[in-house]
Amino acid sequence: MNTLKLWAVFTVGVAAGAAVALIYAPDSGVKTRRKLKRGLDDASDYVKDKASAVRDATSQFSSQAQDVINRSRSVVSSAVDAATGAANAVTSATKSKIAEFS
């Protein structure tokens, strides 16, 4: 289940829970409102905590991805340098062999 669907299901669950609480509330209106406010505050804190955790994980993933990209660039650059050196060596050897036969 992707994150968007998870939050949608969570929100619907909170709304349904609030509606059921209002219908079956044995307490007075003031107490019921306080309980609902506490429940909404708890849900809000939960969402904020999870959003922060997602933000931190995204930041960490981004940092690790950048490290992999930098290492890959280094490896490719080294391979290109090695191939260029080998090609230059072959070219030089070929030119000297051609010069010997001329």
Protein backbone atom coordinates (compact mmCIF):
# COMPACT_ATOMS: atom_id res chain seq x y z
CA MET A 1 0.00 0.00 0.00
CA ASN A 2 1.51 3.31 -0.96
CA THR A 3 1.81 6.21 1.46
CA LEU A 4 -1.02 8.26 -0.03
CA LYS A 5 -3.49 5.40 0.33
CA LEU A 6 -2.28 4.77 3.88
CA TRP A 7 -2.98 8.39 4.90
CA ALA A 8 -6.36 8.34 3.15
CA VAL A 9 -7.37 5.19 5.05
CA PHE A 10 -6.06 6.70 8.29
CA THR A 11 -8.07 9.90 7.76
CA VAL A 12 -11.26 7.99 6.99
CA GLY A 13 -10.69 5.87 10.10
CA VAL A 14 -10.24 8.93 12.28
CA ALA A 15 -13.42 10.50 10.88
CA ALA A 16 -15.40 7.29 11.36
CA GLY A 17 -14.10 6.93 14.91
CA ALA A 18 -15.08 10.50 15.70
CA ALA A 19 -18.58 9.98 14.31
CA VAL A 20 -19.09 6.78 16.33
CA ALA A 21 -17.77 8.51 19.45
CA LEU A 22 -20.30 11.32 19.03
CA ILE A 23 -23.19 8.92 18.54
CA TYR A 24 -22.39 6.69 21.51
CA ALA A 25 -20.92 9.30 23.83
CA PRO A 26 -22.17 8.79 27.38
CA ASP A 27 -20.59 12.05 28.51
CA SER A 28 -21.86 15.60 28.29
CA GLY A 29 -21.14 17.75 25.26
CA VAL A 30 -18.24 19.53 26.95
CA LYS A 31 -16.52 16.28 27.92
CA THR A 32 -17.15 14.80 24.49
CA ARG A 33 -15.64 17.85 22.78
CA ARG A 34 -12.59 17.64 25.04
CA LYS A 35 -12.14 13.97 24.21
CA LEU A 36 -12.51 14.67 20.49
CA LYS A 37 -10.02 17.53 20.72
CA ARG A 38 -7.52 15.27 22.50
CA GLY A 39 -8.06 12.58 19.89
CA LEU A 40 -7.56 15.04 17.04
CA ASP A 41 -4.47 16.47 18.75
CA ASP A 42 -3.06 12.95 19.11
CA ALA A 43 -3.81 12.20 15.46
CA SER A 44 -2.21 15.50 14.45
CA ASP A 45 0.91 14.70 16.48
CA TYR A 46 1.05 11.23 14.92
CA VAL A 47 0.82 12.68 11.41
CA LYS A 48 3.50 15.26 12.19
CA ASP A 49 5.81 12.59 13.60
CA LYS A 50 5.34 10.35 10.57
CA ALA A 51 5.84 13.27 8.17
CA SER A 52 9.07 14.11 9.96
CA ALA A 53 10.20 10.49 9.75
CA VAL A 54 9.40 10.41 6.01
CA ARG A 55 11.29 13.68 5.53
CA ASP A 56 14.32 12.30 7.39
CA ALA A 57 14.26 9.03 5.43
CA THR A 58 13.96 10.93 2.16
CA SER A 59 16.89 13.13 3.09
CA GLN A 60 19.00 10.10 4.00
CA PHE A 61 18.04 8.31 0.78
CA SER A 62 18.91 11.40 -1.24
CA SER A 63 22.31 11.65 0.43
CA GLN A 64 23.06 7.98 -0.18
CA ALA A 65 21.94 8.25 -3.80
CA GLN A 66 24.24 11.24 -4.31
CA ASP A 67 27.15 9.24 -2.84
CA VAL A 68 26.46 6.37 -5.25
CA ILE A 69 26.29 8.79 -8.17
CA ASN A 70 29.60 10.38 -7.20
CA ARG A 71 31.29 6.98 -6.81
CA SER A 72 29.88 5.85 -10.16
CA ARG A 73 31.21 8.97 -11.85
CA SER A 74 34.63 8.29 -10.37
CA VAL A 75 34.64 4.69 -11.58
CA VAL A 76 33.50 5.68 -15.08
CA SER A 77 36.09 8.46 -15.22
CA SER A 78 38.84 6.02 -14.21
CA ALA A 79 37.67 3.51 -16.82
CA VAL A 80 37.64 6.20 -19.53
CA ASP A 81 41.14 7.33 -18.53
CA ALA A 82 42.42 3.75 -18.61
CA ALA A 83 40.81 3.11 -22.00
CA THR A 84 42.24 6.36 -23.37
CA GLY A 85 45.71 5.41 -22.12
CA ALA A 86 45.42 1.95 -23.66
CA ALA A 87 44.21 3.41 -26.96
CA ASN A 88 47.11 5.87 -27.00
CA ALA A 89 49.57 3.05 -26.28
CA VAL A 90 48.15 0.94 -29.12
CA THR A 91 48.24 3.93 -31.46
CA SER A 92 51.87 4.65 -30.59
CA ALA A 93 52.85 1.00 -30.98
CA THR A 94 51.06 0.80 -34.32
CA LYS A 95 52.76 3.97 -35.58
CA SER A 96 56.20 2.70 -34.56
CA LYS A 97 55.57 -0.66 -36.31
CA ILE A 98 54.42 1.15 -39.43
CA ALA A 99 57.55 3.32 -39.27
CA GLU A 100 59.72 0.18 -39.03
CA PHE A 101 58.21 -1.25 -42.19
CA SER A 102 58.46 1.98 -44.15
